[in-house]
Structure formats: structure tokens, C-alpha cells
């Protein structure tokens, strides 16, 4: 990832309050998951239950510490597993242009 995209570790360290769903992305809940459509690229993505919950928390302005706490409670996972899910999901969303990290605005 040499396109100026944050590494997963740097991304997780950043407060998610600066990370928001991109305004060109439409999200629709489907069962336990979510379908994302990026209007500029016409690409379609599917989030599982964990990704869906992270997406919802991004939209509400939750920071990564709050996300971790919520995932631990709702999915009954250890802190390391919750942190890893957040890092991986945020890195993927950023790499695909589905979220805005606030670094360019």
C-alpha cells in the first residue's frame, strides 16, 4: 500500500472521530450484514456482522476505543481480537475509498 494510505497500526491509533463513511457510499443493511455501494466506482462490497457494527459506529462518530469496547461486549471477544477486527476493517474500508480519513479535508 504505497498510495499514502495509513497502515493498519497507524489507522487504529488514529481517533475514529476523524474517520467517516465517504459521502459517495450508500449502505443498506441486509440480514446481519451490510451492502456498501461506492457511487463513484460502482463497486459493491459486503460487510459481515462485525464489519457492519464497525460501519455503524463510524457513522455515529465512535472512536476506536469505543468500538473496541462495544465489539468486546456484543461479540464476546478478547480485546486483541476486537482490535484486530477494527484495524483490518478500517484498513480495507480506507484502501477501497469507502471512508474518509479526514487527512485531506
PDB file of N, CA and C in Angstrom:
ATOM      1  N   UNK A   1       0.834  -1.176   0.000  1.00  0.00           N
ATOM      2  CA  UNK A   1       0.000   0.000   0.000  1.00  0.00           C
ATOM      3  C   UNK A   1       0.873   1.232   0.000  1.00  0.00           C
ATOM      4  N   UNK A   2       1.174   1.706  -1.164  1.00  0.00           N
ATOM      5  CA  UNK A   2       2.083   2.834  -1.279  1.00  0.00           C
ATOM      6  C   UNK A   2       1.375   4.069  -1.790  1.00  0.00           C
ATOM      7  N   UNK A   3       0.083   4.179  -1.579  1.00  0.00           N
ATOM      8  CA  UNK A   3      -0.696   5.280  -2.110  1.00  0.00           C
ATOM      9  C   UNK A   3      -1.009   6.309  -1.031  1.00  0.00           C
ATOM     10  N   UNK A   4      -0.166   6.402  -0.013  1.00  0.00           N
ATOM     11  CA  UNK A   4      -0.424   7.337   1.064  1.00  0.00           C
ATOM     12  C   UNK A   4      -1.493   6.853   2.027  1.00  0.00           C
ATOM     13  N   UNK A   5      -1.803   5.586   1.965  1.00  0.00           N
ATOM     14  CA  UNK A   5      -2.829   5.001   2.826  1.00  0.00           C
ATOM     15  C   UNK A   5      -2.181   4.604   4.139  1.00  0.00           C
ATOM     16  N   UNK A   6      -2.859   4.879   5.222  1.00  0.00           N
ATOM     17  CA  UNK A   6      -2.350   4.512   6.538  1.00  0.00           C
ATOM     18  C   UNK A   6      -2.191   3.011   6.653  1.00  0.00           C
ATOM     19  N   UNK A   7      -1.155   2.603   7.371  1.00  0.00           N
ATOM     20  CA  UNK A   7      -1.025   1.190   7.705  1.00  0.00           C
ATOM     21  C   UNK A   7      -2.080   0.859   8.747  1.00  0.00           C
ATOM     22  N   UNK A   8      -2.431  -0.410   8.904  1.00  0.00           N
ATOM     23  CA  UNK A   8      -3.447  -0.762   9.897  1.00  0.00           C
ATOM     24  C   UNK A   8      -3.121  -0.258  11.293  1.00  0.00           C
ATOM     25  N   UNK A   9      -1.864  -0.365  11.716  1.00  0.00           N
ATOM     26  CA  UNK A   9      -1.496   0.091  13.048  1.00  0.00           C
ATOM     27  C   UNK A   9      -1.675   1.587  13.217  1.00  0.00           C
ATOM     28  N   UNK A  10      -1.251   2.359  12.218  1.00  0.00           N
ATOM     29  CA  UNK A  10      -1.424   3.817  12.286  1.00  0.00           C
ATOM     30  C   UNK A  10      -2.892   4.176  12.248  1.00  0.00           C
ATOM     31  N   UNK A  11      -3.652   3.466  11.462  1.00  0.00           N
ATOM     32  CA  UNK A  11      -5.079   3.759  11.335  1.00  0.00           C
ATOM     33  C   UNK A  11      -5.802   3.507  12.642  1.00  0.00           C
ATOM     34  N   UNK A  12      -5.483   2.423  13.304  1.00  0.00           N
ATOM     35  CA  UNK A  12      -6.145   2.108  14.567  1.00  0.00           C
ATOM     36  C   UNK A  12      -5.771   3.114  15.636  1.00  0.00           C
ATOM     37  N   UNK A  13      -4.562   3.646  15.562  1.00  0.00           N
ATOM     38  CA  UNK A  13      -4.126   4.621  16.546  1.00  0.00           C
ATOM     39  C   UNK A  13      -4.847   5.960  16.368  1.00  0.00           C
ATOM     40  N   UNK A  14      -5.260   6.254  15.148  1.00  0.00           N
ATOM     41  CA  UNK A  14      -5.972   7.496  14.863  1.00  0.00           C
ATOM     42  C   UNK A  14      -7.351   7.442  15.511  1.00  0.00           C
ATOM     43  N   UNK A  15      -7.829   8.548  16.011  1.00  0.00           N
ATOM     44  CA  UNK A  15      -9.173   8.584  16.573  1.00  0.00           C
ATOM     45  C   UNK A  15     -10.179   8.452  15.444  1.00  0.00           C
ATOM     46  N   UNK A  16     -11.092   7.517  15.569  1.00  0.00           N
ATOM     47  CA  UNK A  16     -12.075   7.271  14.525  1.00  0.00           C
ATOM     48  C   UNK A  16     -13.032   8.443  14.354  1.00  0.00           C
ATOM     49  N   UNK A  17     -13.000   9.396  15.287  1.00  0.00           N
ATOM     50  CA  UNK A  17     -13.857  10.575  15.140  1.00  0.00           C
ATOM     51  C   UNK A  17     -13.498  11.339  13.876  1.00  0.00           C
ATOM     52  N   UNK A  18     -12.266  11.163  13.372  1.00  0.00           N
ATOM     53  CA  UNK A  18     -11.868  11.829  12.132  1.00  0.00           C
ATOM     54  C   UNK A  18     -12.158  10.968  10.919  1.00  0.00           C
ATOM     55  N   UNK A  19     -12.601   9.763  11.140  1.00  0.00           N
ATOM     56  CA  UNK A  19     -12.890   8.841  10.053  1.00  0.00           C
ATOM     57  C   UNK A  19     -14.398   8.727   9.908  1.00  0.00           C
ATOM     58  N   UNK A  20     -14.879   8.959   8.720  1.00  0.00           N
ATOM     59  CA  UNK A  20     -16.313   8.931   8.455  1.00  0.00           C
ATOM     60  C   UNK A  20     -16.582   8.146   7.175  1.00  0.00           C
ATOM     61  N   UNK A  21     -17.767   7.564   7.058  1.00  0.00           N
ATOM     62  CA  UNK A  21     -18.137   6.968   5.768  1.00  0.00           C
ATOM     63  C   UNK A  21     -18.081   8.030   4.676  1.00  0.00           C
ATOM     64  N   UNK A  22     -17.533   7.669   3.542  1.00  0.00           N
ATOM     65  CA  UNK A  22     -17.456   8.600   2.421  1.00  0.00           C
ATOM     66  C   UNK A  22     -18.862   8.952   1.953  1.00  0.00           C
ATOM     67  N   UNK A  23     -19.078  10.199   1.582  1.00  0.00           N
ATOM     68  CA  UNK A  23     -20.418  10.646   1.179  1.00  0.00           C
ATOM     69  C   UNK A  23     -20.880  10.018  -0.136  1.00  0.00           C
ATOM     70  N   UNK A  24     -19.967   9.379  -0.860  1.00  0.00           N
ATOM     71  CA  UNK A  24     -20.308   8.720  -2.118  1.00  0.00           C
ATOM     72  C   UNK A  24     -20.607   7.239  -1.940  1.00  0.00           C
ATOM     73  N   UNK A  25     -20.842   6.824  -0.704  1.00  0.00           N
ATOM     74  CA  UNK A  25     -21.123   5.418  -0.412  1.00  0.00           C
ATOM     75  C   UNK A  25     -22.533   5.302   0.159  1.00  0.00           C
ATOM     76  N   UNK A  26     -23.283   4.374  -0.421  1.00  0.00           N
ATOM     77  CA  UNK A  26     -24.619   4.059   0.073  1.00  0.00           C
ATOM     78  C   UNK A  26     -24.521   2.736   0.821  1.00  0.00           C
ATOM     79  N   UNK A  27     -25.117   2.684   1.999  1.00  0.00           N
ATOM     80  CA  UNK A  27     -25.102   1.468   2.807  1.00  0.00           C
ATOM     81  C   UNK A  27     -26.524   0.990   3.031  1.00  0.00           C
ATOM     82  N   UNK A  28     -26.736  -0.308   2.865  1.00  0.00           N
ATOM     83  CA  UNK A  28     -28.037  -0.929   3.124  1.00  0.00           C
ATOM     84  C   UNK A  28     -27.831  -2.176   3.954  1.00  0.00           C
ATOM     85  N   UNK A  29     -28.567  -2.251   5.035  1.00  0.00           N
ATOM     86  CA  UNK A  29     -28.499  -3.414   5.918  1.00  0.00           C
ATOM     87  C   UNK A  29     -29.242  -4.573   5.269  1.00  0.00           C
ATOM     88  N   UNK A  30     -28.611  -5.732   5.258  1.00  0.00           N
ATOM     89  CA  UNK A  30     -29.217  -6.942   4.713  1.00  0.00           C
ATOM     90  C   UNK A  30     -28.931  -8.071   5.702  1.00  0.00           C
ATOM     91  N   UNK A  31     -29.983  -8.526   6.370  1.00  0.00           N
ATOM     92  CA  UNK A  31     -29.841  -9.539   7.417  1.00  0.00           C
ATOM     93  C   UNK A  31     -28.834  -9.050   8.457  1.00  0.00           C
ATOM     94  N   UNK A  32     -27.813  -9.839   8.763  1.00  0.00           N
ATOM     95  CA  UNK A  32     -26.822  -9.454   9.767  1.00  0.00           C
ATOM     96  C   UNK A  32     -25.680  -8.631   9.174  1.00  0.00           C
ATOM     97  N   UNK A  33     -25.670  -8.486   7.856  1.00  0.00           N
ATOM     98  CA  UNK A  33     -24.597  -7.771   7.185  1.00  0.00           C
ATOM     99  C   UNK A  33     -25.056  -6.468   6.571  1.00  0.00           C
ATOM    100  N   UNK A  34     -24.147  -5.858   5.832  1.00  0.00           N
ATOM    101  CA  UNK A  34     -24.430  -4.601   5.151  1.00  0.00           C
ATOM    102  C   UNK A  34     -23.821  -4.639   3.762  1.00  0.00           C
ATOM    103  N   UNK A  35     -24.563  -4.113   2.801  1.00  0.00           N
ATOM    104  CA  UNK A  35     -24.072  -3.951   1.446  1.00  0.00           C
ATOM    105  C   UNK A  35     -23.675  -2.490   1.275  1.00  0.00           C
ATOM    106  N   UNK A  36     -22.451  -2.251   0.790  1.00  0.00           N
ATOM    107  CA  UNK A  36     -21.975  -0.898   0.503  1.00  0.00           C
ATOM    108  C   UNK A  36     -21.837  -0.748  -1.000  1.00  0.00           C
ATOM    109  N   UNK A  37     -22.298   0.360  -1.528  1.00  0.00           N
ATOM    110  CA  UNK A  37     -22.136   0.664  -2.950  1.00  0.00           C
ATOM    111  C   UNK A  37     -21.407   1.990  -3.054  1.00  0.00           C
ATOM    112  N   UNK A  38     -20.243   1.954  -3.696  1.00  0.00           N
ATOM    113  CA  UNK A  38     -19.477   3.184  -3.910  1.00  0.00           C
ATOM    114  C   UNK A  38     -19.954   3.786  -5.231  1.00  0.00           C
ATOM    115  N   UNK A  39     -20.607   4.926  -5.138  1.00  0.00           N
ATOM    116  CA  UNK A  39     -21.243   5.522  -6.312  1.00  0.00           C
ATOM    117  C   UNK A  39     -20.249   5.969  -7.381  1.00  0.00           C
ATOM    118  N   UNK A  40     -19.050   6.336  -7.001  1.00  0.00           N
ATOM    119  CA  UNK A  40     -18.055   6.770  -7.995  1.00  0.00           C
ATOM    120  C   UNK A  40     -17.455   5.607  -8.772  1.00  0.00           C
ATOM    121  N   UNK A  41     -17.313   4.464  -8.115  1.00  0.00           N
ATOM    122  CA  UNK A  41     -16.673   3.329  -8.774  1.00  0.00           C
ATOM    123  C   UNK A  41     -17.665   2.255  -9.201  1.00  0.00           C
ATOM    124  N   UNK A  42     -18.895   2.344  -8.702  1.00  0.00           N
ATOM    125  CA  UNK A  42     -19.923   1.327  -8.935  1.00  0.00           C
ATOM    126  C   UNK A  42     -19.525  -0.043  -8.388  1.00  0.00           C
ATOM    127  N   UNK A  43     -18.601  -0.056  -7.451  1.00  0.00           N
ATOM    128  CA  UNK A  43     -18.205  -1.319  -6.822  1.00  0.00           C
ATOM    129  C   UNK A  43     -19.119  -1.588  -5.649  1.00  0.00           C
ATOM    130  N   UNK A  44     -19.379  -2.873  -5.418  1.00  0.00           N
ATOM    131  CA  UNK A  44     -20.263  -3.317  -4.352  1.00  0.00           C
ATOM    132  C   UNK A  44     -19.454  -4.149  -3.361  1.00  0.00           C
ATOM    133  N   UNK A  45     -19.688  -3.899  -2.084  1.00  0.00           N
ATOM    134  CA  UNK A  45     -18.971  -4.589  -1.013  1.00  0.00           C
ATOM    135  C   UNK A  45     -19.995  -5.164  -0.042  1.00  0.00           C
ATOM    136  N   UNK A  46     -19.617  -6.268   0.598  1.00  0.00           N
ATOM    137  CA  UNK A  46     -20.493  -6.861   1.610  1.00  0.00           C
ATOM    138  C   UNK A  46     -19.733  -6.959   2.923  1.00  0.00           C
ATOM    139  N   UNK A  47     -20.314  -6.402   3.961  1.00  0.00           N
ATOM    140  CA  UNK A  47     -19.718  -6.477   5.293  1.00  0.00           C
ATOM    141  C   UNK A  47     -20.423  -7.557   6.102  1.00  0.00           C
ATOM    142  N   UNK A  48     -19.645  -8.300   6.879  1.00  0.00           N
ATOM    143  CA  UNK A  48     -20.233  -9.277   7.787  1.00  0.00           C
ATOM    144  C   UNK A  48     -20.768  -8.535   9.014  1.00  0.00           C
ATOM    145  N   UNK A  49     -21.208  -9.269  10.017  1.00  0.00           N
ATOM    146  CA  UNK A  49     -21.810  -8.652  11.204  1.00  0.00           C
ATOM    147  C   UNK A  49     -20.825  -7.738  11.929  1.00  0.00           C
ATOM    148  N   UNK A  50     -19.578  -8.153  12.036  1.00  0.00           N
ATOM    149  CA  UNK A  50     -18.575  -7.327  12.703  1.00  0.00           C
ATOM    150  C   UNK A  50     -18.310  -6.055  11.910  1.00  0.00           C
ATOM    151  N   UNK A  51     -18.103  -6.197  10.600  1.00  0.00           N
ATOM    152  CA  UNK A  51     -17.884  -5.034   9.744  1.00  0.00           C
ATOM    153  C   UNK A  51     -19.069  -4.092   9.767  1.00  0.00           C
ATOM    154  N   UNK A  52     -20.266  -4.659   9.807  1.00  0.00           N
ATOM    155  CA  UNK A  52     -21.481  -3.843   9.874  1.00  0.00           C
ATOM    156  C   UNK A  52     -21.491  -3.017  11.148  1.00  0.00           C
ATOM    157  N   UNK A  53     -21.146  -3.637  12.256  1.00  0.00           N
ATOM    158  CA  UNK A  53     -21.164  -2.900  13.525  1.00  0.00           C
ATOM    159  C   UNK A  53     -20.122  -1.794  13.527  1.00  0.00           C
ATOM    160  N   UNK A  54     -18.936  -2.070  12.969  1.00  0.00           N
ATOM    161  CA  UNK A  54     -17.884  -1.053  12.867  1.00  0.00           C
ATOM    162  C   UNK A  54     -18.367   0.092  11.975  1.00  0.00           C
ATOM    163  N   UNK A  55     -18.998  -0.224  10.849  1.00  0.00           N
ATOM    164  CA  UNK A  55     -19.537   0.787   9.936  1.00  0.00           C
ATOM    165  C   UNK A  55     -20.547   1.690  10.658  1.00  0.00           C
ATOM    166  N   UNK A  56     -21.434   1.058  11.417  1.00  0.00           N
ATOM    167  CA  UNK A  56     -22.438   1.825  12.164  1.00  0.00           C
ATOM    168  C   UNK A  56     -21.780   2.755  13.181  1.00  0.00           C
ATOM    169  N   UNK A  57     -20.773   2.253  13.864  1.00  0.00           N
ATOM    170  CA  UNK A  57     -20.101   3.080  14.866  1.00  0.00           C
ATOM    171  C   UNK A  57     -19.332   4.227  14.214  1.00  0.00           C
ATOM    172  N   UNK A  58     -18.756   3.995  13.032  1.00  0.00           N
ATOM    173  CA  UNK A  58     -18.099   5.081  12.302  1.00  0.00           C
ATOM    174  C   UNK A  58     -19.092   6.201  12.008  1.00  0.00           C
ATOM    175  N   UNK A  59     -20.265   5.811  11.576  1.00  0.00           N
ATOM    176  CA  UNK A  59     -21.295   6.783  11.242  1.00  0.00           C
ATOM    177  C   UNK A  59     -21.765   7.591  12.435  1.00  0.00           C
ATOM    178  N   UNK A  60     -21.636   7.024  13.622  1.00  0.00           N
ATOM    179  CA  UNK A  60     -22.076   7.745  14.822  1.00  0.00           C
ATOM    180  C   UNK A  60     -20.936   8.510  15.491  1.00  0.00           C
ATOM    181  N   UNK A  61     -19.726   8.447  14.905  1.00  0.00           N
ATOM    182  CA  UNK A  61     -18.601   9.200  15.450  1.00  0.00           C
ATOM    183  C   UNK A  61     -17.853   8.528  16.578  1.00  0.00           C
ATOM    184  N   UNK A  62     -18.049   7.256  16.748  1.00  0.00           N
ATOM    185  CA  UNK A  62     -17.387   6.499  17.809  1.00  0.00           C
ATOM    186  C   UNK A  62     -15.883   6.408  17.540  1.00  0.00           C
ATOM    187  N   UNK A  63     -15.068   6.536  18.586  1.00  0.00           N
ATOM    188  CA  UNK A  63     -13.625   6.383  18.408  1.00  0.00           C
ATOM    189  C   UNK A  63     -13.244   4.907  18.508  1.00  0.00           C
ATOM    190  N   UNK A  64     -11.977   4.597  18.207  1.00  0.00           N
ATOM    191  CA  UNK A  64     -11.564   3.194  18.178  1.00  0.00           C
ATOM    192  C   UNK A  64     -11.654   2.534  19.547  1.00  0.00           C
ATOM    193  N   UNK A  65     -11.428   3.289  20.611  1.00  0.00           N
ATOM    194  CA  UNK A  65     -11.556   2.708  21.961  1.00  0.00           C
ATOM    195  C   UNK A  65     -13.004   2.318  22.231  1.00  0.00           C
ATOM    196  N   UNK A  66     -13.926   3.162  21.831  1.00  0.00           N
ATOM    197  CA  UNK A  66     -15.346   2.848  21.997  1.00  0.00           C
ATOM    198  C   UNK A  66     -15.760   1.668  21.147  1.00  0.00           C
ATOM    199  N   UNK A  67     -15.214   1.609  19.923  1.00  0.00           N
ATOM    200  CA  UNK A  67     -15.508   0.476  19.047  1.00  0.00           C
ATOM    201  C   UNK A  67     -15.036  -0.820  19.681  1.00  0.00           C
ATOM    202  N   UNK A  68     -13.822  -0.798  20.225  1.00  0.00           N
ATOM    203  CA  UNK A  68     -13.256  -1.999  20.834  1.00  0.00           C
ATOM    204  C   UNK A  68     -14.122  -2.462  21.998  1.00  0.00           C
ATOM    205  N   UNK A  69     -14.502  -1.544  22.841  1.00  0.00           N
ATOM    206  CA  UNK A  69     -15.342  -1.886  23.988  1.00  0.00           C
ATOM    207  C   UNK A  69     -16.674  -2.485  23.538  1.00  0.00           C
ATOM    208  N   UNK A  70     -17.290  -1.874  22.543  1.00  0.00           N
ATOM    209  CA  UNK A  70     -18.572  -2.360  22.038  1.00  0.00           C
ATOM    210  C   UNK A  70     -18.439  -3.751  21.430  1.00  0.00           C
ATOM    211  N   UNK A  71     -17.413  -3.950  20.591  1.00  0.00           N
ATOM    212  CA  UNK A  71     -17.225  -5.270  19.975  1.00  0.00           C
ATOM    213  C   UNK A  71     -16.975  -6.341  21.030  1.00  0.00           C
ATOM    214  N   UNK A  72     -16.202  -6.008  22.047  1.00  0.00           N
ATOM    215  CA  UNK A  72     -15.927  -6.976  23.113  1.00  0.00           C
ATOM    216  C   UNK A  72     -17.217  -7.399  23.794  1.00  0.00           C
ATOM    217  N   UNK A  73     -18.089  -6.449  24.062  1.00  0.00           N
ATOM    218  CA  UNK A  73     -19.352  -6.757  24.736  1.00  0.00           C
ATOM    219  C   UNK A  73     -20.323  -7.488  23.821  1.00  0.00           C
ATOM    220  N   UNK A  74     -20.521  -6.970  22.619  1.00  0.00           N
ATOM    221  CA  UNK A  74     -21.554  -7.513  21.734  1.00  0.00           C
ATOM    222  C   UNK A  74     -21.181  -8.840  21.094  1.00  0.00           C
ATOM    223  N   UNK A  75     -19.865  -9.061  20.874  1.00  0.00           N
ATOM    224  CA  UNK A  75     -19.439 -10.289  20.199  1.00  0.00           C
ATOM    225  C   UNK A  75     -18.693 -11.239  21.140  1.00  0.00           C
ATOM    226  N   UNK A  76     -18.558 -10.845  22.417  1.00  0.00           N
ATOM    227  CA  UNK A  76     -17.895 -11.665  23.425  1.00  0.00           C
ATOM    228  C   UNK A  76     -16.525 -12.147  22.941  1.00  0.00           C
ATOM    229  N   UNK A  77     -15.659 -11.166  22.599  1.00  0.00           N
ATOM    230  CA  UNK A  77     -14.303 -11.469  22.137  1.00  0.00           C
ATOM    231  C   UNK A  77     -13.296 -10.747  23.025  1.00  0.00           C
ATOM    232  N   UNK A  78     -12.069 -11.219  22.973  1.00  0.00           N
ATOM    233  CA  UNK A  78     -10.983 -10.593  23.727  1.00  0.00           C
ATOM    234  C   UNK A  78     -10.585  -9.272  23.058  1.00  0.00           C
ATOM    235  N   UNK A  79      -9.921  -8.418  23.819  1.00  0.00           N
ATOM    236  CA  UNK A  79      -9.516  -7.107  23.324  1.00  0.00           C
ATOM    237  C   UNK A  79      -8.644  -7.203  22.072  1.00  0.00           C
ATOM    238  N   UNK A  80      -7.692  -8.127  22.062  1.00  0.00           N
ATOM    239  CA  UNK A  80      -6.797  -8.268  20.912  1.00  0.00           C
ATOM    240  C   UNK A  80      -7.577  -8.618  19.645  1.00  0.00           C
ATOM    241  N   UNK A  81      -8.572  -9.488  19.781  1.00  0.00           N
ATOM    242  CA  UNK A  81      -9.380  -9.872  18.620  1.00  0.00           C
ATOM    243  C   UNK A  81     -10.225  -8.700  18.125  1.00  0.00           C
ATOM    244  N   UNK A  82     -10.786  -7.933  19.049  1.00  0.00           N
ATOM    245  CA  UNK A  82     -11.575  -6.756  18.675  1.00  0.00           C
ATOM    246  C   UNK A  82     -10.682  -5.720  17.990  1.00  0.00           C
ATOM    247  N   UNK A  83      -9.501  -5.476  18.548  1.00  0.00           N
ATOM    248  CA  UNK A  83      -8.560  -4.519  17.943  1.00  0.00           C
ATOM    249  C   UNK A  83      -8.173  -4.940  16.537  1.00  0.00           C
ATOM    250  N   UNK A  84      -7.906  -6.223  16.365  1.00  0.00           N
ATOM    251  CA  UNK A  84      -7.506  -6.742  15.054  1.00  0.00           C
ATOM    252  C   UNK A  84      -8.645  -6.564  14.045  1.00  0.00           C
ATOM    253  N   UNK A  85      -9.870  -6.839  14.454  1.00  0.00           N
ATOM    254  CA  UNK A  85     -11.024  -6.681  13.557  1.00  0.00           C
ATOM    255  C   UNK A  85     -11.192  -5.217  13.149  1.00  0.00           C
ATOM    256  N   UNK A  86     -11.009  -4.323  14.097  1.00  0.00           N
ATOM    257  CA  UNK A  86     -11.132  -2.895  13.800  1.00  0.00           C
ATOM    258  C   UNK A  86     -10.034  -2.461  12.836  1.00  0.00           C
ATOM    259  N   UNK A  87      -8.787  -2.826  13.128  1.00  0.00           N
ATOM    260  CA  UNK A  87      -7.662  -2.461  12.262  1.00  0.00           C
ATOM    261  C   UNK A  87      -7.863  -2.963  10.844  1.00  0.00           C
ATOM    262  N   UNK A  88      -8.200  -4.235  10.704  1.00  0.00           N
ATOM    263  CA  UNK A  88      -8.362  -4.829   9.378  1.00  0.00           C
ATOM    264  C   UNK A  88      -9.533  -4.205   8.623  1.00  0.00           C
ATOM    265  N   UNK A  89     -10.640  -3.992   9.313  1.00  0.00           N
ATOM    266  CA  UNK A  89     -11.819  -3.432   8.657  1.00  0.00           C
ATOM    267  C   UNK A  89     -11.570  -1.994   8.228  1.00  0.00           C
ATOM    268  N   UNK A  90     -11.009  -1.177   9.118  1.00  0.00           N
ATOM    269  CA  UNK A  90     -10.740   0.218   8.764  1.00  0.00           C
ATOM    270  C   UNK A  90      -9.722   0.326   7.634  1.00  0.00           C
ATOM    271  N   UNK A  91      -8.698  -0.522   7.650  1.00  0.00           N
ATOM    272  CA  UNK A  91      -7.697  -0.503   6.588  1.00  0.00           C
ATOM    273  C   UNK A  91      -8.329  -0.854   5.241  1.00  0.00           C
ATOM    274  N   UNK A  92      -9.204  -1.862   5.219  1.00  0.00           N
ATOM    275  CA  UNK A  92      -9.877  -2.250   3.980  1.00  0.00           C
ATOM    276  C   UNK A  92     -10.800  -1.140   3.494  1.00  0.00           C
ATOM    277  N   UNK A  93     -11.588  -0.569   4.409  1.00  0.00           N
ATOM    278  CA  UNK A  93     -12.519   0.493   4.028  1.00  0.00           C
ATOM    279  C   UNK A  93     -11.776   1.697   3.471  1.00  0.00           C
ATOM    280  N   UNK A  94     -10.661   2.049   4.083  1.00  0.00           N
ATOM    281  CA  UNK A  94      -9.867   3.180   3.613  1.00  0.00           C
ATOM    282  C   UNK A  94      -9.216   2.881   2.268  1.00  0.00           C
ATOM    283  N   UNK A  95      -8.654   1.682   2.128  1.00  0.00           N
ATOM    284  CA  UNK A  95      -7.997   1.301   0.882  1.00  0.00           C
ATOM    285  C   UNK A  95      -8.973   1.310  -0.297  1.00  0.00           C
ATOM    286  N   UNK A  96     -10.228   0.975  -0.039  1.00  0.00           N
ATOM    287  CA  UNK A  96     -11.235   0.928  -1.091  1.00  0.00           C
ATOM    288  C   UNK A  96     -11.951   2.271  -1.289  1.00  0.00           C
ATOM    289  N   UNK A  97     -11.573   3.271  -0.504  1.00  0.00           N
ATOM    290  CA  UNK A  97     -12.188   4.592  -0.643  1.00  0.00           C
ATOM    291  C   UNK A  97     -13.591   4.683  -0.079  1.00  0.00           C
ATOM    292  N   UNK A  98     -13.928   3.789   0.835  1.00  0.00           N
ATOM    293  CA  UNK A  98     -15.274   3.772   1.408  1.00  0.00           C
ATOM    294  C   UNK A  98     -15.410   4.681   2.620  1.00  0.00           C
ATOM    295  N   UNK A  99     -14.271   5.082   3.188  1.00  0.00           N
ATOM    296  CA  UNK A  99     -14.269   6.013   4.299  1.00  0.00           C
ATOM    297  C   UNK A  99     -13.305   7.142   3.980  1.00  0.00           C
ATOM    298  N   UNK A 100     -13.502   8.256   4.655  1.00  0.00           N
ATOM    299  CA  UNK A 100     -12.640   9.416   4.514  1.00  0.00           C
ATOM    300  C   UNK A 100     -11.900   9.571   5.829  1.00  0.00           C
ATOM    301  N   UNK A 101     -10.583   9.523   5.775  1.00  0.00           N
ATOM    302  CA  UNK A 101      -9.789   9.605   7.000  1.00  0.00           C
ATOM    303  C   UNK A 101      -9.659  11.009   7.533  1.00  0.00           C
ATOM    304  N   UNK A 102     -10.145  11.994   6.798  1.00  0.00           N
ATOM    305  CA  UNK A 102     -10.049  13.365   7.257  1.00  0.00           C
ATOM    306  C   UNK A 102      -8.681  13.971   7.035  1.00  0.00           C
ATOM    307  N   UNK A 103      -7.743  13.207   6.504  1.00  0.00           N
ATOM    308  CA  UNK A 103      -6.374  13.713   6.329  1.00  0.00           C
ATOM    309  C   UNK A 103      -6.255  14.667   5.151  1.00  0.00           C
ATOM    310  N   UNK A 104      -7.216  14.644   4.237  1.00  0.00           N
ATOM    311  CA  UNK A 104      -7.128  15.519   3.071  1.00  0.00           C
ATOM    312  C   UNK A 104      -8.174  16.606   3.096  1.00  0.00           C
ATOM    313  N   UNK A 105      -9.004  16.660   4.149  1.00  0.00           N
ATOM    314  CA  UNK A 105     -10.062  17.662   4.208  1.00  0.00           C
ATOM    315  C   UNK A 105      -9.902  18.540   5.415  1.00  0.00           C
TER     316      UNK A 105
END
